[in-house]
Amino acid sequence: MNITDQIGTRLEFDHTPLRIVSLVPSQTELLVHLGLEEHIVGVTKFCVHPLHLRGDREVVGGTKQVDIVKITALQPDIILCNKEENTKEIVESLRAIAPVHTSDIISVQESLDLILQYGAIFKKEEEAQQLVTAITEERNQFLKELKTSTQGHVGYFIWKEPIMVAGAHTFINTLLEEAGFKNAFTSLKGRYPEVQAEQLVNLDYIFLSSEPFPFKEEHIALFKKNTTARVVLVDGEYFSWYGSRLLKAYSYFRNLRSQLELQEL
């Protein structure tokens, strides 16, 4: 079996990979959804869905730093990475251990393509197609219900010090647009640019994400000092996790929009 991953690397397998190391939390969740939990031998400390995996499987590090010795000892048949989550150096070093499949996700279609590719690699074609169909139906229904293309200019904040936002060419930006919002910072350079307090003035909404920085209620007041925008805590997993998480994302977006619309009455 020959597979070309999403960064153009060609992988060859003479059998279905049965021992999987996943270095991306959303991809770990996807594997479990596809019925591959028993084949996962290594995960990161951030692979929290399902939570019990971190206790049942070998934790090989984070997404930016991994324990090569631990991964080697697991004798994986395949290692799953992501272009944004994992560094180029990590991906290249792991290729000496096993084939490394690297995803590159910015669009919803690329997420659906990854699901189907996992289906092909792990002989879970039927499960993968069912998931893609279910996500597509949820997405189409949400977009059909969407009354307006935008519900105000949003700053989506991912880090506190320095203050960083999601910019253009990110999966977060894609899902903000899917949910009917306009990202106010797509003109800035970089995918996750730093911003200053004075740049918050003309926003309609500030979304404080639960990850990677865990914004909480106490941070809302800090942002309100510099803006009249409505400051809202949002679940970052629904804006940045791809794969099977998309199945619930559109319901989350629907509820979020309803919440904001009710507050405006």
Protein backbone atom coordinates (compact mmCIF):
# COMPACT_ATOMS: atom_id res chain seq x y z
CA MET A 1 0.00 0.00 0.00
CA ASN A 2 1.33 3.42 -1.00
CA ILE A 3 0.07 6.61 0.66
CA THR A 4 1.11 10.23 0.14
CA ASP A 5 0.52 12.30 3.26
CA GLN A 6 -0.58 15.94 3.38
CA ILE A 7 2.93 17.38 3.15
CA GLY A 8 3.74 15.24 0.11
CA THR A 9 5.70 12.43 1.76
CA ARG A 10 5.19 9.05 0.12
CA LEU A 11 4.78 6.15 2.54
CA GLU A 12 4.88 2.45 1.73
CA PHE A 13 3.36 -0.32 3.85
CA ASP A 14 3.53 -4.06 3.23
CA HIS A 15 0.88 -4.64 5.92
CA THR A 16 -1.74 -2.67 7.80
CA PRO A 17 -0.01 -0.67 10.58
CA LEU A 18 -1.04 -2.19 13.90
CA ARG A 19 1.14 -0.27 16.36
CA ILE A 20 0.40 3.45 16.28
CA VAL A 21 2.10 6.36 18.02
CA SER A 22 0.01 9.53 17.82
CA LEU A 23 1.64 12.88 18.58
CA VAL A 24 -1.47 14.98 17.94
CA PRO A 25 -4.39 15.11 20.40
CA SER A 26 -7.15 15.60 17.81
CA GLN A 27 -5.76 12.77 15.72
CA THR A 28 -5.68 10.50 18.75
CA GLU A 29 -9.35 11.26 19.32
CA LEU A 30 -10.03 10.45 15.66
CA LEU A 31 -8.27 7.09 15.90
CA VAL A 32 -10.47 6.10 18.83
CA HIS A 33 -13.60 7.16 16.94
CA LEU A 34 -12.55 4.93 14.05
CA GLY A 35 -12.23 1.94 16.38
CA LEU A 36 -8.44 1.88 16.56
CA GLU A 37 -7.91 2.41 20.30
CA GLU A 38 -6.41 -1.05 20.84
CA HIS A 39 -3.70 -0.26 18.27
CA ILE A 40 -2.53 2.98 19.90
CA VAL A 41 0.69 2.31 21.81
CA GLY A 42 1.98 5.85 22.42
CA VAL A 43 0.39 9.28 22.96
CA THR A 44 1.31 12.78 24.15
CA LYS A 45 0.52 14.28 27.54
CA PHE A 46 -2.02 16.47 25.73
CA CYS A 47 -4.04 13.54 24.34
CA VAL A 48 -6.94 14.03 26.76
CA HIS A 49 -9.79 12.50 24.74
CA PRO A 50 -10.46 9.87 25.86
CA LEU A 51 -8.81 10.76 29.16
CA HIS A 52 -7.96 7.20 30.19
CA LEU A 53 -5.50 6.76 27.32
CA ARG A 54 -2.79 8.68 29.16
CA GLY A 55 -2.98 6.10 31.92
CA ASP A 56 -3.27 3.06 29.65
CA ARG A 57 -0.65 3.95 27.02
CA GLU A 58 2.94 5.13 27.02
CA VAL A 59 3.17 8.93 27.23
CA VAL A 60 6.08 9.90 24.97
CA GLY A 61 6.21 13.64 25.65
CA GLY A 62 4.35 16.64 24.33
CA THR A 63 3.81 17.88 20.80
CA LYS A 64 7.00 19.99 20.61
CA GLN A 65 9.29 17.70 22.60
CA VAL A 66 9.22 13.91 22.45
CA ASP A 67 11.21 11.09 23.99
CA ILE A 68 12.85 9.34 21.05
CA VAL A 69 14.03 6.46 23.24
CA LYS A 70 10.50 5.73 24.46
CA ILE A 71 9.08 5.89 20.94
CA THR A 72 11.78 3.59 19.61
CA ALA A 73 11.07 1.05 22.36
CA LEU A 74 7.39 0.96 21.39
CA GLN A 75 8.36 -0.42 17.94
CA PRO A 76 5.60 1.50 16.13
CA ASP A 77 4.47 0.59 12.64
CA ILE A 78 3.50 4.22 12.02
CA ILE A 79 3.87 7.60 13.77
CA LEU A 80 1.21 10.25 13.24
CA CYS A 81 2.25 13.90 13.25
CA ASN A 82 0.95 17.30 12.16
CA LYS A 83 2.82 20.09 10.41
CA GLU A 84 1.72 22.75 12.92
CA GLU A 85 1.66 20.71 16.12
CA ASN A 86 5.02 19.00 15.68
CA THR A 87 8.31 20.54 14.61
CA LYS A 88 10.11 19.71 11.38
CA GLU A 89 13.03 18.40 13.43
CA ILE A 90 10.76 15.98 15.31
CA VAL A 91 9.22 14.65 12.11
CA GLU A 92 12.60 14.13 10.47
CA SER A 93 14.13 12.41 13.50
CA LEU A 94 11.18 10.01 13.82
CA ARG A 95 11.56 8.77 10.26
CA ALA A 96 14.50 6.66 11.42
CA ILE A 97 12.09 4.73 13.65
CA ALA A 98 9.01 4.16 11.47
CA PRO A 99 7.02 5.71 8.62
CA VAL A 100 5.79 9.15 9.70
CA HIS A 101 2.45 10.36 8.37
CA THR A 102 2.12 14.14 8.68
CA SER A 103 -1.16 15.98 8.31
CA ASP A 104 -1.53 19.62 7.27
CA ILE A 105 -4.99 20.99 8.09
CA ILE A 106 -6.30 24.47 7.33
CA SER A 107 -9.60 23.76 5.57
CA VAL A 108 -12.54 21.57 6.54
CA GLN A 109 -12.02 19.58 3.35
CA GLU A 110 -8.44 18.78 4.39
CA SER A 111 -9.78 17.45 7.68
CA LEU A 112 -12.27 15.24 5.84
CA ASP A 113 -9.49 14.09 3.50
CA LEU A 114 -7.39 13.07 6.52
CA ILE A 115 -10.24 11.00 7.93
CA LEU A 116 -10.60 9.13 4.64
CA GLN A 117 -6.84 8.63 4.42
CA TYR A 118 -6.74 7.13 7.90
CA GLY A 119 -9.59 4.89 6.80
CA ALA A 120 -7.45 3.65 3.91
CA ILE A 121 -4.26 3.23 5.94
CA PHE A 122 -5.85 1.36 8.84
CA LYS A 123 -8.50 -0.55 6.87
CA LYS A 124 -11.35 1.43 8.42
CA GLU A 125 -12.85 2.71 5.17
CA GLU A 126 -16.46 2.19 6.16
CA GLU A 127 -16.08 3.88 9.55
CA ALA A 128 -14.20 6.79 7.98
CA GLN A 129 -16.83 7.31 5.29
CA GLN A 130 -19.62 7.21 7.86
CA LEU A 131 -17.87 9.88 9.90
CA VAL A 132 -17.27 12.11 6.87
CA THR A 133 -20.91 11.76 5.85
CA ALA A 134 -22.13 12.64 9.36
CA ILE A 135 -19.86 15.70 9.60
CA THR A 136 -20.91 16.88 6.15
CA GLU A 137 -24.58 16.59 7.07
CA GLU A 138 -24.04 18.56 10.30
CA ARG A 139 -22.07 21.20 8.42
CA ASN A 140 -24.61 21.58 5.62
CA GLN A 141 -27.48 21.90 8.09
CA PHE A 142 -25.66 24.56 10.09
CA LEU A 143 -24.69 26.58 7.01
CA LYS A 144 -28.27 26.37 5.77
CA GLU A 145 -29.52 27.80 9.08
CA LEU A 146 -26.90 30.55 9.15
CA LYS A 147 -28.85 33.77 8.65
CA THR A 148 -25.91 36.11 8.13
CA SER A 149 -22.39 35.59 6.84
CA THR A 150 -20.90 37.50 9.76
CA GLN A 151 -21.82 38.22 13.34
CA GLY A 152 -19.27 40.92 14.03
CA HIS A 153 -15.51 41.28 14.04
CA VAL A 154 -13.81 38.85 16.40
CA GLY A 155 -10.40 38.62 17.95
CA TYR A 156 -9.62 35.00 18.83
CA PHE A 157 -7.02 35.00 21.60
CA ILE A 158 -4.77 31.99 22.19
CA TRP A 159 -2.10 33.40 24.53
CA LYS A 160 -1.90 35.94 27.35
CA GLU A 161 1.73 37.10 27.62
CA PRO A 162 2.45 38.15 24.96
CA ILE A 163 -1.11 38.64 23.72
CA MET A 164 -1.46 36.42 20.65
CA VAL A 165 -4.36 35.82 18.30
CA ALA A 166 -5.25 33.42 15.52
CA GLY A 167 -4.55 35.02 12.17
CA ALA A 168 -5.05 34.00 8.57
CA HIS A 169 -4.16 30.58 7.14
CA THR A 170 -5.14 28.74 10.33
CA PHE A 171 -7.77 26.11 11.00
CA ILE A 172 -9.12 28.40 13.72
CA ASN A 173 -9.70 31.13 11.17
CA THR A 174 -11.47 28.64 8.92
CA LEU A 175 -13.84 27.61 11.70
CA LEU A 176 -14.48 31.21 12.76
CA GLU A 177 -15.68 31.84 9.22
CA GLU A 178 -17.65 28.59 9.22
CA ALA A 179 -19.40 29.78 12.39
CA GLY A 180 -20.30 33.08 10.74
CA PHE A 181 -17.72 35.39 12.31
CA LYS A 182 -15.17 37.74 10.77
CA ASN A 183 -11.63 37.40 12.09
CA ALA A 184 -10.41 40.94 12.71
CA PHE A 185 -6.72 40.04 12.51
CA THR A 186 -6.30 38.26 9.17
CA SER A 187 -4.37 41.21 7.73
CA LEU A 188 -1.55 40.86 10.27
CA LYS A 189 1.62 39.01 9.37
CA GLY A 190 2.03 35.51 10.70
CA ARG A 191 -0.41 32.80 11.56
CA TYR A 192 -0.48 33.66 15.27
CA PRO A 193 0.54 37.32 15.51
CA GLU A 194 1.09 39.34 18.66
CA VAL A 195 -1.25 42.29 19.22
CA GLN A 196 -1.21 45.33 21.46
CA ALA A 197 -3.94 46.61 23.77
CA GLU A 198 -4.83 49.47 21.41
CA GLN A 199 -5.71 46.96 18.68
CA LEU A 200 -8.65 45.68 20.75
CA VAL A 201 -10.65 48.91 20.46
CA ASN A 202 -12.66 48.23 17.30
CA LEU A 203 -13.60 44.63 17.99
CA ASP A 204 -17.19 43.44 18.43
CA TYR A 205 -16.19 40.28 20.26
CA ILE A 206 -13.15 38.93 22.01
CA PHE A 207 -13.01 35.15 22.20
CA LEU A 208 -10.73 33.85 24.94
CA SER A 209 -9.84 30.28 24.08
CA SER A 210 -9.48 27.46 26.60
CA GLU A 211 -6.26 26.41 24.84
CA PRO A 212 -3.35 26.55 24.42
CA PHE A 213 -3.46 29.21 27.16
CA PRO A 214 -6.28 28.28 29.56
CA PHE A 215 -8.20 31.57 29.72
CA LYS A 216 -10.70 31.68 32.58
CA GLU A 217 -13.25 34.04 34.10
CA GLU A 218 -10.61 36.09 35.91
CA HIS A 219 -9.03 37.09 32.59
CA ILE A 220 -12.19 38.68 31.21
CA ALA A 221 -11.76 41.86 33.29
CA LEU A 222 -8.19 42.30 32.02
CA PHE A 223 -9.41 42.53 28.43
CA LYS A 224 -12.43 44.68 29.25
CA LYS A 225 -10.06 47.44 30.38
CA ASN A 226 -9.03 48.03 26.78
CA THR A 227 -12.19 47.52 24.77
CA THR A 228 -15.96 47.80 24.62
CA ALA A 229 -16.13 44.45 22.86
CA ARG A 230 -18.03 41.61 24.45
CA VAL A 231 -15.50 39.24 26.00
CA VAL A 232 -16.48 35.57 25.83
CA LEU A 233 -14.79 32.37 26.97
CA VAL A 234 -14.89 29.73 24.22
CA ASP A 235 -14.00 26.05 24.07
CA GLY A 236 -10.83 25.97 21.99
CA GLU A 237 -11.25 22.32 21.09
CA TYR A 238 -14.22 23.16 18.88
CA PHE A 239 -12.26 25.81 17.00
CA SER A 240 -8.90 24.07 16.64
CA TRP A 241 -9.43 20.30 16.79
CA TYR A 242 -10.15 18.63 13.48
CA GLY A 243 -11.14 15.05 12.71
CA SER A 244 -14.01 13.56 14.70
CA ARG A 245 -14.29 16.72 16.85
CA LEU A 246 -15.99 18.38 13.86
CA LEU A 247 -18.98 16.13 14.43
CA LYS A 248 -19.92 18.21 17.50
CA ALA A 249 -18.43 21.54 16.43
CA TYR A 250 -21.39 22.84 14.45
CA SER A 251 -23.77 22.23 17.33
CA TYR A 252 -21.36 24.20 19.52
CA PHE A 253 -21.27 27.06 16.99
CA ARG A 254 -25.07 27.10 16.84
CA ASN A 255 -25.32 27.36 20.63
CA LEU A 256 -22.61 30.03 20.78
CA ARG A 257 -24.34 32.20 18.22
CA SER A 258 -27.67 31.79 19.99
CA GLN A 259 -26.03 32.80 23.28
CA LEU A 260 -24.59 35.95 21.73
CA GLU A 261 -27.83 36.85 19.97
CA LEU A 262 -29.81 36.49 23.22
CA GLN A 263 -27.37 38.77 25.04
CA GLU A 264 -27.92 41.46 22.41
CA LEU A 265 -31.70 41.57 23.02
